[in-house]
């Protein structure tokens, strides 16, 4: 069990250290994570981009199929 250290700039490090299985938060923080991931995906090229695109496509299809 761990607690947030109070510094929002170190939240990423806290998550890496604790590796929580449950993470309760506010929607704004989830949107921030989403934006950061999408920004890193847009910078990819070549095989890495193809793998990420295919993985996201498969994941979305599985979510729709199992909904």
PDB file of N, CA and C in Angstrom:
ATOM      1  N   UNK A   1       0.849  -1.156   0.000  1.00  0.00           N
ATOM      2  CA  UNK A   1       0.000   0.000   0.000  1.00  0.00           C
ATOM      3  C   UNK A   1       0.904   1.231   0.000  1.00  0.00           C
ATOM      4  N   UNK A   2       0.507   2.217  -0.770  1.00  0.00           N
ATOM      5  CA  UNK A   2       1.298   3.429  -0.836  1.00  0.00           C
ATOM      6  C   UNK A   2       0.400   4.643  -0.935  1.00  0.00           C
ATOM      7  N   UNK A   3       0.986   5.787  -0.701  1.00  0.00           N
ATOM      8  CA  UNK A   3       0.243   7.047  -0.763  1.00  0.00           C
ATOM      9  C   UNK A   3       0.927   8.000  -1.724  1.00  0.00           C
ATOM     10  N   UNK A   4       0.128   8.822  -2.366  1.00  0.00           N
ATOM     11  CA  UNK A   4       0.592   9.886  -3.229  1.00  0.00           C
ATOM     12  C   UNK A   4       1.456  10.834  -2.412  1.00  0.00           C
ATOM     13  N   UNK A   5       2.618  11.220  -2.950  1.00  0.00           N
ATOM     14  CA  UNK A   5       3.554  12.031  -2.167  1.00  0.00           C
ATOM     15  C   UNK A   5       3.206  13.511  -2.129  1.00  0.00           C
ATOM     16  N   UNK A   6       2.183  13.944  -2.873  1.00  0.00           N
ATOM     17  CA  UNK A   6       1.743  15.325  -2.827  1.00  0.00           C
ATOM     18  C   UNK A   6       2.263  16.185  -3.957  1.00  0.00           C
ATOM     19  N   UNK A   7       3.230  15.699  -4.716  1.00  0.00           N
ATOM     20  CA  UNK A   7       3.796  16.460  -5.825  1.00  0.00           C
ATOM     21  C   UNK A   7       3.237  15.926  -7.135  1.00  0.00           C
ATOM     22  N   UNK A   8       2.416  16.736  -7.820  1.00  0.00           N
ATOM     23  CA  UNK A   8       1.783  16.273  -9.050  1.00  0.00           C
ATOM     24  C   UNK A   8       2.796  15.982 -10.144  1.00  0.00           C
ATOM     25  N   UNK A   9       3.943  16.633 -10.104  1.00  0.00           N
ATOM     26  CA  UNK A   9       4.966  16.380 -11.109  1.00  0.00           C
ATOM     27  C   UNK A   9       5.635  15.023 -10.912  1.00  0.00           C
ATOM     28  N   UNK A  10       5.499  14.442  -9.723  1.00  0.00           N
ATOM     29  CA  UNK A  10       6.102  13.134  -9.436  1.00  0.00           C
ATOM     30  C   UNK A  10       5.078  12.005  -9.411  1.00  0.00           C
ATOM     31  N   UNK A  11       3.852  12.291  -9.852  1.00  0.00           N
ATOM     32  CA  UNK A  11       2.801  11.267  -9.847  1.00  0.00           C
ATOM     33  C   UNK A  11       3.172  10.085 -10.731  1.00  0.00           C
ATOM     34  N   UNK A  12       3.765  10.355 -11.881  1.00  0.00           N
ATOM     35  CA  UNK A  12       4.175   9.273 -12.779  1.00  0.00           C
ATOM     36  C   UNK A  12       5.156   8.342 -12.079  1.00  0.00           C
ATOM     37  N   UNK A  13       6.114   8.911 -11.346  1.00  0.00           N
ATOM     38  CA  UNK A  13       7.088   8.087 -10.623  1.00  0.00           C
ATOM     39  C   UNK A  13       6.406   7.284  -9.520  1.00  0.00           C
ATOM     40  N   UNK A  14       5.441   7.893  -8.831  1.00  0.00           N
ATOM     41  CA  UNK A  14       4.689   7.162  -7.808  1.00  0.00           C
ATOM     42  C   UNK A  14       3.995   5.948  -8.413  1.00  0.00           C
ATOM     43  N   UNK A  15       3.375   6.132  -9.579  1.00  0.00           N
ATOM     44  CA  UNK A  15       2.679   5.018 -10.229  1.00  0.00           C
ATOM     45  C   UNK A  15       3.656   3.936 -10.655  1.00  0.00           C
ATOM     46  N   UNK A  16       4.837   4.327 -11.126  1.00  0.00           N
ATOM     47  CA  UNK A  16       5.847   3.332 -11.506  1.00  0.00           C
ATOM     48  C   UNK A  16       6.355   2.563 -10.282  1.00  0.00           C
ATOM     49  N   UNK A  17       6.499   3.255  -9.157  1.00  0.00           N
ATOM     50  CA  UNK A  17       6.994   2.617  -7.939  1.00  0.00           C
ATOM     51  C   UNK A  17       5.962   1.665  -7.339  1.00  0.00           C
ATOM     52  N   UNK A  18       4.698   2.099  -7.264  1.00  0.00           N
ATOM     53  CA  UNK A  18       3.670   1.315  -6.577  1.00  0.00           C
ATOM     54  C   UNK A  18       2.982   0.300  -7.473  1.00  0.00           C
ATOM     55  N   UNK A  19       2.901   0.554  -8.787  1.00  0.00           N
ATOM     56  CA  UNK A  19       2.232  -0.338  -9.723  1.00  0.00           C
ATOM     57  C   UNK A  19       0.860  -0.778  -9.195  1.00  0.00           C
ATOM     58  N   UNK A  20      -0.046   0.183  -8.991  1.00  0.00           N
ATOM     59  CA  UNK A  20      -1.350  -0.151  -8.393  1.00  0.00           C
ATOM     60  C   UNK A  20      -2.213  -1.003  -9.311  1.00  0.00           C
ATOM     61  N   UNK A  21      -3.028  -1.869  -8.705  1.00  0.00           N
ATOM     62  CA  UNK A  21      -4.002  -2.639  -9.467  1.00  0.00           C
ATOM     63  C   UNK A  21      -5.322  -1.884  -9.549  1.00  0.00           C
ATOM     64  N   UNK A  22      -5.549  -0.981  -8.605  1.00  0.00           N
ATOM     65  CA  UNK A  22      -6.728  -0.124  -8.599  1.00  0.00           C
ATOM     66  C   UNK A  22      -6.235   1.302  -8.454  1.00  0.00           C
ATOM     67  N   UNK A  23      -6.765   2.193  -9.285  1.00  0.00           N
ATOM     68  CA  UNK A  23      -6.317   3.582  -9.256  1.00  0.00           C
ATOM     69  C   UNK A  23      -7.532   4.485  -9.389  1.00  0.00           C
ATOM     70  N   UNK A  24      -7.982   5.057  -8.286  1.00  0.00           N
ATOM     71  CA  UNK A  24      -9.120   5.969  -8.300  1.00  0.00           C
ATOM     72  C   UNK A  24      -8.606   7.380  -8.517  1.00  0.00           C
ATOM     73  N   UNK A  25      -9.266   8.096  -9.413  1.00  0.00           N
ATOM     74  CA  UNK A  25      -8.819   9.448  -9.723  1.00  0.00           C
ATOM     75  C   UNK A  25      -9.972  10.257 -10.297  1.00  0.00           C
ATOM     76  N   UNK A  26      -9.654  11.463 -10.702  1.00  0.00           N
ATOM     77  CA  UNK A  26     -10.645  12.345 -11.325  1.00  0.00           C
ATOM     78  C   UNK A  26     -10.492  12.256 -12.841  1.00  0.00           C
ATOM     79  N   UNK A  27     -11.567  12.501 -13.587  1.00  0.00           N
ATOM     80  CA  UNK A  27     -11.501  12.389 -15.050  1.00  0.00           C
ATOM     81  C   UNK A  27     -10.409  13.241 -15.692  1.00  0.00           C
ATOM     82  N   UNK A  28     -10.126  14.392 -15.136  1.00  0.00           N
ATOM     83  CA  UNK A  28      -9.105  15.272 -15.731  1.00  0.00           C
ATOM     84  C   UNK A  28      -7.750  14.585 -15.791  1.00  0.00           C
ATOM     85  N   UNK A  29      -7.416  13.821 -14.774  1.00  0.00           N
ATOM     86  CA  UNK A  29      -6.131  13.120 -14.771  1.00  0.00           C
ATOM     87  C   UNK A  29      -6.109  12.008 -15.815  1.00  0.00           C
ATOM     88  N   UNK A  30      -7.212  11.281 -15.939  1.00  0.00           N
ATOM     89  CA  UNK A  30      -7.288  10.237 -16.973  1.00  0.00           C
ATOM     90  C   UNK A  30      -7.182  10.852 -18.373  1.00  0.00           C
ATOM     91  N   UNK A  31      -7.815  12.015 -18.571  1.00  0.00           N
ATOM     92  CA  UNK A  31      -7.696  12.701 -19.852  1.00  0.00           C
ATOM     93  C   UNK A  31      -6.261  13.118 -20.120  1.00  0.00           C
ATOM     94  N   UNK A  32      -5.546  13.522 -19.093  1.00  0.00           N
ATOM     95  CA  UNK A  32      -4.146  13.907 -19.239  1.00  0.00           C
ATOM     96  C   UNK A  32      -3.314  12.702 -19.664  1.00  0.00           C
ATOM     97  N   UNK A  33      -3.524  11.550 -19.029  1.00  0.00           N
ATOM     98  CA  UNK A  33      -2.814  10.322 -19.418  1.00  0.00           C
ATOM     99  C   UNK A  33      -3.128   9.971 -20.873  1.00  0.00           C
ATOM    100  N   UNK A  34      -4.392  10.078 -21.243  1.00  0.00           N
ATOM    101  CA  UNK A  34      -4.820   9.765 -22.609  1.00  0.00           C
ATOM    102  C   UNK A  34      -4.106  10.666 -23.615  1.00  0.00           C
ATOM    103  N   UNK A  35      -4.063  11.963 -23.323  1.00  0.00           N
ATOM    104  CA  UNK A  35      -3.399  12.913 -24.215  1.00  0.00           C
ATOM    105  C   UNK A  35      -1.912  12.626 -24.345  1.00  0.00           C
ATOM    106  N   UNK A  36      -1.261  12.291 -23.238  1.00  0.00           N
ATOM    107  CA  UNK A  36       0.173  11.975 -23.276  1.00  0.00           C
ATOM    108  C   UNK A  36       0.455  10.722 -24.099  1.00  0.00           C
ATOM    109  N   UNK A  37      -0.389   9.700 -23.942  1.00  0.00           N
ATOM    110  CA  UNK A  37      -0.190   8.474 -24.718  1.00  0.00           C
ATOM    111  C   UNK A  37      -0.415   8.718 -26.199  1.00  0.00           C
ATOM    112  N   UNK A  38      -1.475   9.443 -26.535  1.00  0.00           N
ATOM    113  CA  UNK A  38      -1.737   9.731 -27.947  1.00  0.00           C
ATOM    114  C   UNK A  38      -0.624  10.561 -28.568  1.00  0.00           C
ATOM    115  N   UNK A  39      -0.068  11.497 -27.823  1.00  0.00           N
ATOM    116  CA  UNK A  39       1.037  12.310 -28.338  1.00  0.00           C
ATOM    117  C   UNK A  39       2.247  11.438 -28.626  1.00  0.00           C
ATOM    118  N   UNK A  40       2.517  10.465 -27.749  1.00  0.00           N
ATOM    119  CA  UNK A  40       3.669   9.589 -27.986  1.00  0.00           C
ATOM    120  C   UNK A  40       3.402   8.649 -29.156  1.00  0.00           C
ATOM    121  N   UNK A  41       2.146   8.243 -29.376  1.00  0.00           N
ATOM    122  CA  UNK A  41       1.817   7.389 -30.514  1.00  0.00           C
ATOM    123  C   UNK A  41       1.993   8.136 -31.833  1.00  0.00           C
ATOM    124  N   UNK A  42       1.674   9.421 -31.849  1.00  0.00           N
ATOM    125  CA  UNK A  42       1.768  10.210 -33.075  1.00  0.00           C
ATOM    126  C   UNK A  42       3.219  10.394 -33.520  1.00  0.00           C
ATOM    127  N   UNK A  43       4.158  10.297 -32.587  1.00  0.00           N
ATOM    128  CA  UNK A  43       5.575  10.470 -32.911  1.00  0.00           C
ATOM    129  C   UNK A  43       6.199   9.210 -33.502  1.00  0.00           C
ATOM    130  N   UNK A  44       5.494   8.085 -33.433  1.00  0.00           N
ATOM    131  CA  UNK A  44       6.050   6.824 -33.925  1.00  0.00           C
ATOM    132  C   UNK A  44       6.044   6.771 -35.445  1.00  0.00           C
ATOM    133  N   UNK A  45       6.987   6.015 -35.993  1.00  0.00           N
ATOM    134  CA  UNK A  45       7.043   5.797 -37.436  1.00  0.00           C
ATOM    135  C   UNK A  45       7.403   4.341 -37.707  1.00  0.00           C
ATOM    136  N   UNK A  46       7.211   3.924 -38.927  1.00  0.00           N
ATOM    137  CA  UNK A  46       7.652   2.604 -39.377  1.00  0.00           C
ATOM    138  C   UNK A  46       6.953   1.457 -38.704  1.00  0.00           C
ATOM    139  N   UNK A  47       7.748   0.455 -38.340  1.00  0.00           N
ATOM    140  CA  UNK A  47       7.214  -0.781 -37.766  1.00  0.00           C
ATOM    141  C   UNK A  47       6.550  -0.520 -36.415  1.00  0.00           C
ATOM    142  N   UNK A  48       7.145   0.343 -35.610  1.00  0.00           N
ATOM    143  CA  UNK A  48       6.554   0.642 -34.300  1.00  0.00           C
ATOM    144  C   UNK A  48       5.143   1.217 -34.464  1.00  0.00           C
ATOM    145  N   UNK A  49       4.982   2.139 -35.415  1.00  0.00           N
ATOM    146  CA  UNK A  49       3.662   2.727 -35.654  1.00  0.00           C
ATOM    147  C   UNK A  49       2.679   1.659 -36.119  1.00  0.00           C
ATOM    148  N   UNK A  50       3.123   0.778 -37.007  1.00  0.00           N
ATOM    149  CA  UNK A  50       2.250  -0.297 -37.493  1.00  0.00           C
ATOM    150  C   UNK A  50       1.811  -1.207 -36.360  1.00  0.00           C
ATOM    151  N   UNK A  51       2.729  -1.556 -35.471  1.00  0.00           N
ATOM    152  CA  UNK A  51       2.392  -2.431 -34.343  1.00  0.00           C
ATOM    153  C   UNK A  51       1.415  -1.761 -33.388  1.00  0.00           C
ATOM    154  N   UNK A  52       1.645  -0.497 -33.074  1.00  0.00           N
ATOM    155  CA  UNK A  52       0.741   0.218 -32.176  1.00  0.00           C
ATOM    156  C   UNK A  52      -0.637   0.361 -32.810  1.00  0.00           C
ATOM    157  N   UNK A  53      -0.684   0.743 -34.086  1.00  0.00           N
ATOM    158  CA  UNK A  53      -1.971   0.888 -34.768  1.00  0.00           C
ATOM    159  C   UNK A  53      -2.739  -0.430 -34.786  1.00  0.00           C
ATOM    160  N   UNK A  54      -2.050  -1.508 -35.079  1.00  0.00           N
ATOM    161  CA  UNK A  54      -2.704  -2.828 -35.125  1.00  0.00           C
ATOM    162  C   UNK A  54      -3.175  -3.239 -33.730  1.00  0.00           C
ATOM    163  N   UNK A  55      -2.358  -3.015 -32.734  1.00  0.00           N
ATOM    164  CA  UNK A  55      -2.746  -3.363 -31.367  1.00  0.00           C
ATOM    165  C   UNK A  55      -3.968  -2.589 -30.907  1.00  0.00           C
ATOM    166  N   UNK A  56      -4.011  -1.293 -31.208  1.00  0.00           N
ATOM    167  CA  UNK A  56      -5.170  -0.487 -30.839  1.00  0.00           C
ATOM    168  C   UNK A  56      -6.417  -0.928 -31.593  1.00  0.00           C
ATOM    169  N   UNK A  57      -6.254  -1.272 -32.858  1.00  0.00           N
ATOM    170  CA  UNK A  57      -7.384  -1.737 -33.663  1.00  0.00           C
ATOM    171  C   UNK A  57      -7.968  -3.038 -33.100  1.00  0.00           C
ATOM    172  N   UNK A  58      -7.103  -3.978 -32.762  1.00  0.00           N
ATOM    173  CA  UNK A  58      -7.559  -5.255 -32.203  1.00  0.00           C
ATOM    174  C   UNK A  58      -8.249  -5.028 -30.860  1.00  0.00           C
ATOM    175  N   UNK A  59      -7.665  -4.188 -30.024  1.00  0.00           N
ATOM    176  CA  UNK A  59      -8.247  -3.912 -28.708  1.00  0.00           C
ATOM    177  C   UNK A  59      -9.634  -3.288 -28.842  1.00  0.00           C
ATOM    178  N   UNK A  60      -9.774  -2.309 -29.723  1.00  0.00           N
ATOM    179  CA  UNK A  60     -11.074  -1.662 -29.909  1.00  0.00           C
ATOM    180  C   UNK A  60     -12.107  -2.637 -30.457  1.00  0.00           C
ATOM    181  N   UNK A  61     -11.716  -3.470 -31.402  1.00  0.00           N
ATOM    182  CA  UNK A  61     -12.645  -4.471 -31.940  1.00  0.00           C
ATOM    183  C   UNK A  61     -13.097  -5.448 -30.866  1.00  0.00           C
ATOM    184  N   UNK A  62     -12.166  -5.880 -30.002  1.00  0.00           N
ATOM    185  CA  UNK A  62     -12.528  -6.784 -28.910  1.00  0.00           C
ATOM    186  C   UNK A  62     -13.461  -6.107 -27.903  1.00  0.00           C
ATOM    187  N   UNK A  63     -13.221  -4.839 -27.618  1.00  0.00           N
ATOM    188  CA  UNK A  63     -14.107  -4.119 -26.691  1.00  0.00           C
ATOM    189  C   UNK A  63     -15.514  -4.003 -27.260  1.00  0.00           C
ATOM    190  N   UNK A  64     -15.614  -3.695 -28.541  1.00  0.00           N
ATOM    191  CA  UNK A  64     -16.931  -3.573 -29.182  1.00  0.00           C
ATOM    192  C   UNK A  64     -17.637  -4.918 -29.235  1.00  0.00           C
ATOM    193  N   UNK A  65     -16.880  -5.954 -29.570  1.00  0.00           N
ATOM    194  CA  UNK A  65     -17.455  -7.300 -29.690  1.00  0.00           C
ATOM    195  C   UNK A  65     -17.959  -7.818 -28.340  1.00  0.00           C
ATOM    196  N   UNK A  66     -17.271  -7.516 -27.264  1.00  0.00           N
ATOM    197  CA  UNK A  66     -17.616  -8.036 -25.939  1.00  0.00           C
ATOM    198  C   UNK A  66     -18.493  -7.091 -25.139  1.00  0.00           C
ATOM    199  N   UNK A  67     -18.906  -5.980 -25.727  1.00  0.00           N
ATOM    200  CA  UNK A  67     -19.727  -5.000 -24.989  1.00  0.00           C
ATOM    201  C   UNK A  67     -21.152  -5.445 -24.842  1.00  0.00           C
TER     202      UNK A  67
END
